[in-house]
Amino acid sequence: MKNLCCLFFSFLFLISCASKNMNTEKKKEIAIATQQLGEEYYNSGKYTAALKTLLNAHETIPNDPYLNNSLGLVYLAKDRYDLAENHFNKALNLKADYIHAKNNLGAVYLKQKKWGLAIQCFEEVAENLLYATPEMPLSNLGWAYFRQKLYKKAKVYFKKSLEIRPNFLNAVHGLSSIYIETGYYNLAITFLHHSLKKNPGAAILHSDLAKVYEALKDFDKAKRSWDVVLKLEPETSPLAIEAQKRLLELN
């Protein structure tokens, strides 16, 4: 009788554990689906909805490196660099070879003006032969040096980036910014016109062209370029706001 009772209670214990495991697995499935929805919100530019959804998933799977990376991206988009840094670091602690999180962490350091840390991240990513888009960390290295006014070094990395992907907008904008900052206006105009033939809808390059014409005091051409920016950009975007401000000052 005693053995039978023990067997009965053991059976109940096993049923309870199985039920608990099933609930845990179900919760995890729901959390993963919630995470995917949050990432879709992020890709659509709906950052507040993305954050709310991803935080719901985070309650169930807080130690998922991919979820932490996604949260980092949302906080980066919302200019909460401290929180973005925390989540990218957590993603890397959970998955040391998570190279995308390393590149994203470098982007946060770039925003925070932590140049040395940013360069360290981007160099690690650029040297990783398995990273599918090396033009990105190379261009980011260019921006890290550009922000420090180390234009020669910045130029090297922007050009390396463009050797891999000739029309990569981030690097094209970086190289044109160097020409503008160093006073090579005619070179900038030639370079920008050539680039805009390949990518006429790149508002950032039209804004670069406008800045060159302003530097040359050709204000009519500058205004025409700023007008193009307004046609291409949503009116609430930072670039459109800059164009509106410049046009008011030039008129």
Protein backbone atom coordinates (compact mmCIF):
# COMPACT_ATOMS: atom_id res chain seq x y z
CA MET A 1 0.00 0.00 0.00
CA LYS A 2 2.84 2.37 0.91
CA ASN A 3 4.57 1.68 -2.43
CA LEU A 4 1.30 2.30 -4.29
CA CYS A 5 0.87 5.70 -2.59
CA CYS A 6 4.44 6.66 -3.45
CA LEU A 7 3.85 5.67 -7.07
CA PHE A 8 0.62 7.68 -7.19
CA PHE A 9 2.25 10.85 -5.86
CA SER A 10 5.24 10.38 -8.18
CA PHE A 11 2.82 10.17 -11.09
CA LEU A 12 1.07 13.39 -10.00
CA PHE A 13 4.47 15.11 -9.72
CA LEU A 14 5.42 14.05 -13.24
CA ILE A 15 2.07 15.25 -14.64
CA SER A 16 2.56 18.59 -12.89
CA CYS A 17 6.09 18.97 -14.30
CA ALA A 18 4.95 18.04 -17.80
CA SER A 19 2.13 20.56 -17.60
CA LYS A 20 4.53 23.23 -16.39
CA ASN A 21 6.98 22.48 -19.21
CA MET A 22 4.17 22.63 -21.76
CA ASN A 23 3.12 26.02 -20.42
CA THR A 24 6.72 27.26 -20.53
CA GLU A 25 7.15 26.10 -24.11
CA LYS A 26 3.87 27.72 -25.11
CA LYS A 27 4.86 31.00 -23.48
CA LYS A 28 8.18 30.88 -25.32
CA GLU A 29 6.42 30.31 -28.65
CA ILE A 30 4.16 33.29 -27.99
CA ALA A 31 7.16 35.42 -26.97
CA ILE A 32 9.02 34.57 -30.18
CA ALA A 33 5.96 35.47 -32.26
CA THR A 34 5.64 38.72 -30.28
CA GLN A 35 9.32 39.45 -30.93
CA GLN A 36 8.81 38.97 -34.68
CA LEU A 37 5.87 41.36 -34.61
CA GLY A 38 7.97 43.93 -32.75
CA GLU A 39 10.71 43.62 -35.35
CA GLU A 40 8.14 44.20 -38.10
CA TYR A 41 7.02 47.37 -36.32
CA TYR A 42 10.67 48.47 -36.14
CA ASN A 43 11.24 47.83 -39.85
CA SER A 44 8.12 49.92 -40.57
CA GLY A 45 9.45 52.82 -38.50
CA LYS A 46 6.83 52.36 -35.76
CA TYR A 47 9.34 52.55 -32.94
CA THR A 48 6.98 53.06 -29.98
CA ALA A 49 4.83 50.09 -31.00
CA ALA A 50 8.01 48.08 -31.58
CA LEU A 51 9.33 48.92 -28.13
CA LYS A 52 6.10 48.00 -26.35
CA THR A 53 5.86 44.69 -28.23
CA LEU A 54 9.50 43.73 -27.74
CA LEU A 55 9.35 44.53 -24.02
CA ASN A 56 6.39 42.15 -23.73
CA ALA A 57 8.48 39.41 -25.31
CA HIS A 58 11.42 40.34 -23.07
CA GLU A 59 9.39 39.43 -19.97
CA THR A 60 9.37 35.78 -21.11
CA ILE A 61 12.73 35.46 -22.91
CA PRO A 62 15.01 38.09 -21.34
CA ASN A 63 18.16 36.14 -22.20
CA ASP A 64 17.59 35.85 -25.92
CA PRO A 65 20.52 37.62 -27.68
CA TYR A 66 18.50 38.38 -30.82
CA LEU A 67 15.71 39.99 -28.82
CA ASN A 68 18.20 42.11 -26.91
CA ASN A 69 19.76 43.21 -30.19
CA SER A 70 16.32 44.20 -31.51
CA LEU A 71 15.60 46.17 -28.34
CA GLY A 72 18.95 47.90 -28.75
CA LEU A 73 18.01 48.94 -32.29
CA VAL A 74 14.70 50.41 -31.12
CA TYR A 75 16.36 52.36 -28.30
CA LEU A 76 18.97 53.58 -30.79
CA ALA A 77 16.18 54.79 -33.10
CA LYS A 78 14.57 56.58 -30.13
CA ASP A 79 17.91 58.24 -29.17
CA ARG A 80 18.13 56.35 -25.85
CA TYR A 81 21.76 55.48 -26.34
CA ASP A 82 22.33 54.36 -22.74
CA LEU A 83 19.61 51.70 -22.99
CA ALA A 84 20.69 50.70 -26.49
CA GLU A 85 24.25 50.20 -25.25
CA ASN A 86 23.01 48.01 -22.39
CA HIS A 87 21.03 45.72 -24.67
CA PHE A 88 23.75 45.37 -27.31
CA ASN A 89 26.24 44.51 -24.56
CA LYS A 90 23.83 41.97 -23.12
CA ALA A 91 23.36 40.42 -26.57
CA LEU A 92 27.13 40.07 -26.86
CA ASN A 93 27.44 38.62 -23.36
CA LEU A 94 24.89 35.99 -24.33
CA LYS A 95 26.43 35.35 -27.76
CA ALA A 96 30.03 36.51 -28.01
CA ASP A 97 30.25 35.98 -31.79
CA TYR A 98 27.11 38.02 -32.54
CA ILE A 99 28.80 40.28 -35.06
CA HIS A 100 25.68 42.31 -35.94
CA ALA A 101 25.29 43.31 -32.29
CA LYS A 102 28.98 44.32 -32.26
CA ASN A 103 28.43 46.60 -35.28
CA ASN A 104 25.30 48.06 -33.65
CA LEU A 105 27.21 48.68 -30.43
CA GLY A 106 29.78 50.58 -32.47
CA ALA A 107 26.98 52.71 -33.92
CA VAL A 108 25.84 53.60 -30.39
CA TYR A 109 29.40 54.56 -29.41
CA LEU A 110 29.54 56.74 -32.53
CA LYS A 111 26.38 58.56 -31.39
CA GLN A 112 27.86 58.95 -27.90
CA LYS A 113 31.13 60.35 -29.34
CA LYS A 114 33.07 57.47 -27.78
CA TRP A 115 35.38 57.38 -30.78
CA GLY A 116 37.93 54.87 -29.50
CA LEU A 117 35.29 52.32 -28.50
CA ALA A 118 33.44 52.81 -31.79
CA ILE A 119 36.61 52.26 -33.82
CA GLN A 120 37.41 49.11 -31.82
CA CYS A 121 33.97 47.65 -32.58
CA PHE A 122 34.04 48.49 -36.28
CA GLU A 123 37.56 47.14 -36.72
CA GLU A 124 36.51 43.82 -35.19
CA VAL A 125 33.49 43.64 -37.50
CA ALA A 126 35.45 44.66 -40.61
CA GLU A 127 38.06 41.97 -39.92
CA ASN A 128 35.43 39.24 -39.57
CA LEU A 129 35.47 37.33 -42.84
CA LEU A 130 31.98 35.94 -42.17
CA TYR A 131 30.33 39.37 -42.03
CA ALA A 132 28.24 39.66 -45.18
CA THR A 133 28.34 43.46 -45.58
CA PRO A 134 31.89 44.66 -44.77
CA GLU A 135 31.21 47.98 -46.52
CA MET A 136 29.11 48.99 -43.49
CA PRO A 137 31.79 48.80 -40.73
CA LEU A 138 34.35 50.30 -43.15
CA SER A 139 32.07 53.27 -43.77
CA ASN A 140 31.36 53.53 -40.04
CA LEU A 141 35.11 53.66 -39.43
CA GLY A 142 35.21 56.52 -41.92
CA TRP A 143 32.60 58.40 -39.92
CA ALA A 144 34.41 57.75 -36.62
CA TYR A 145 37.55 59.37 -38.02
CA PHE A 146 35.56 62.11 -39.81
CA ARG A 147 33.94 63.20 -36.53
CA GLN A 148 37.45 63.62 -35.10
CA LYS A 149 38.42 65.71 -38.16
CA LEU A 150 40.94 63.06 -39.19
CA TYR A 151 39.95 63.44 -42.81
CA LYS A 152 42.80 61.52 -44.43
CA LYS A 153 42.02 58.40 -42.40
CA ALA A 154 38.30 58.85 -42.94
CA LYS A 155 38.82 59.11 -46.70
CA VAL A 156 40.73 55.80 -46.74
CA TYR A 157 37.84 53.92 -45.13
CA PHE A 158 35.10 55.56 -47.19
CA LYS A 159 36.99 54.60 -50.35
CA LYS A 160 37.50 51.04 -49.09
CA SER A 161 33.77 50.83 -48.47
CA LEU A 162 33.01 52.09 -51.98
CA GLU A 163 35.42 49.58 -53.51
CA ILE A 164 33.18 46.83 -52.12
CA ARG A 165 29.86 48.54 -52.89
CA PRO A 166 30.34 51.46 -55.29
CA ASN A 167 26.99 53.17 -54.68
CA PHE A 168 26.80 52.69 -50.91
CA LEU A 169 25.04 55.89 -49.86
CA ASN A 170 26.54 56.11 -46.38
CA ALA A 171 30.07 56.11 -47.81
CA VAL A 172 29.19 58.37 -50.77
CA HIS A 173 27.80 60.94 -48.33
CA GLY A 174 30.89 60.50 -46.16
CA LEU A 175 33.30 61.16 -49.03
CA SER A 176 31.34 64.18 -50.25
CA SER A 177 31.33 65.51 -46.67
CA ILE A 178 35.13 65.31 -46.63
CA TYR A 179 35.38 67.27 -49.89
CA ILE A 180 33.06 69.93 -48.44
CA GLU A 181 34.83 70.17 -45.09
CA THR A 182 38.27 70.42 -46.71
CA GLY A 183 37.18 73.01 -49.29
CA TYR A 184 37.41 70.87 -52.43
CA TYR A 185 34.13 72.26 -53.75
CA ASN A 186 34.64 71.62 -57.46
CA LEU A 187 35.65 68.03 -56.73
CA ALA A 188 32.57 67.70 -54.52
CA ILE A 189 30.28 68.97 -57.32
CA THR A 190 31.74 66.55 -59.86
CA PHE A 191 31.55 63.65 -57.41
CA LEU A 192 27.98 64.46 -56.35
CA HIS A 193 26.65 64.92 -59.89
CA HIS A 194 28.19 61.56 -60.83
CA SER A 195 26.65 59.90 -57.76
CA LEU A 196 23.23 61.48 -58.30
CA LYS A 197 23.07 60.10 -61.84
CA LYS A 198 23.11 56.64 -60.25
CA ASN A 199 20.89 57.56 -57.30
CA PRO A 200 18.78 60.65 -58.16
CA GLY A 201 16.43 60.06 -55.22
CA ALA A 202 19.15 60.36 -52.56
CA ALA A 203 18.01 63.43 -50.61
CA ILE A 204 21.15 63.49 -48.47
CA LEU A 205 23.30 63.97 -51.61
CA HIS A 206 21.09 66.83 -52.80
CA SER A 207 21.60 68.44 -49.39
CA ASP A 208 25.37 67.98 -49.78
CA LEU A 209 25.16 69.66 -53.18
CA ALA A 210 23.17 72.53 -51.68
CA LYS A 211 25.90 73.04 -49.06
CA VAL A 212 28.57 73.15 -51.76
CA TYR A 213 26.65 75.80 -53.72
CA GLU A 214 26.16 77.81 -50.54
CA ALA A 215 29.91 77.68 -49.89
CA LEU A 216 30.45 78.93 -53.45
CA LYS A 217 27.78 81.64 -52.89
CA ASP A 218 25.73 80.29 -55.78
CA PHE A 219 22.51 80.72 -53.83
CA ASP A 220 20.09 80.09 -56.71
CA LYS A 221 21.50 76.61 -57.27
CA ALA A 222 21.63 76.05 -53.52
CA LYS A 223 17.92 76.85 -53.21
CA ARG A 224 17.07 74.54 -56.11
CA SER A 225 18.93 71.69 -54.39
CA TRP A 226 17.21 72.36 -51.06
CA ASP A 227 13.86 72.36 -52.91
CA VAL A 228 14.67 68.89 -54.25
CA VAL A 229 15.36 67.74 -50.69
CA LEU A 230 11.89 68.91 -49.63
CA LYS A 231 10.29 67.03 -52.52
CA LEU A 232 12.07 63.81 -51.59
CA GLU A 233 11.85 63.87 -47.79
CA PRO A 234 8.84 63.68 -45.42
CA GLU A 235 8.25 67.18 -44.07
CA THR A 236 8.92 66.12 -40.47
CA SER A 237 12.28 64.45 -41.19
CA PRO A 238 15.43 66.15 -39.83
CA LEU A 239 16.74 66.64 -43.37
CA ALA A 240 13.50 68.33 -44.50
CA ILE A 241 13.53 70.57 -41.43
CA GLU A 242 17.12 71.56 -42.24
CA ALA A 243 16.11 72.31 -45.86
CA GLN A 244 13.18 74.47 -44.71
CA LYS A 245 15.47 76.42 -42.38
CA ARG A 246 18.10 76.98 -45.07
CA LEU A 247 15.51 78.12 -47.62
CA LEU A 248 14.09 80.64 -45.17
CA GLU A 249 17.56 82.05 -44.55
CA LEU A 250 18.42 82.15 -48.26
CA ASN A 251 15.20 83.87 -49.38
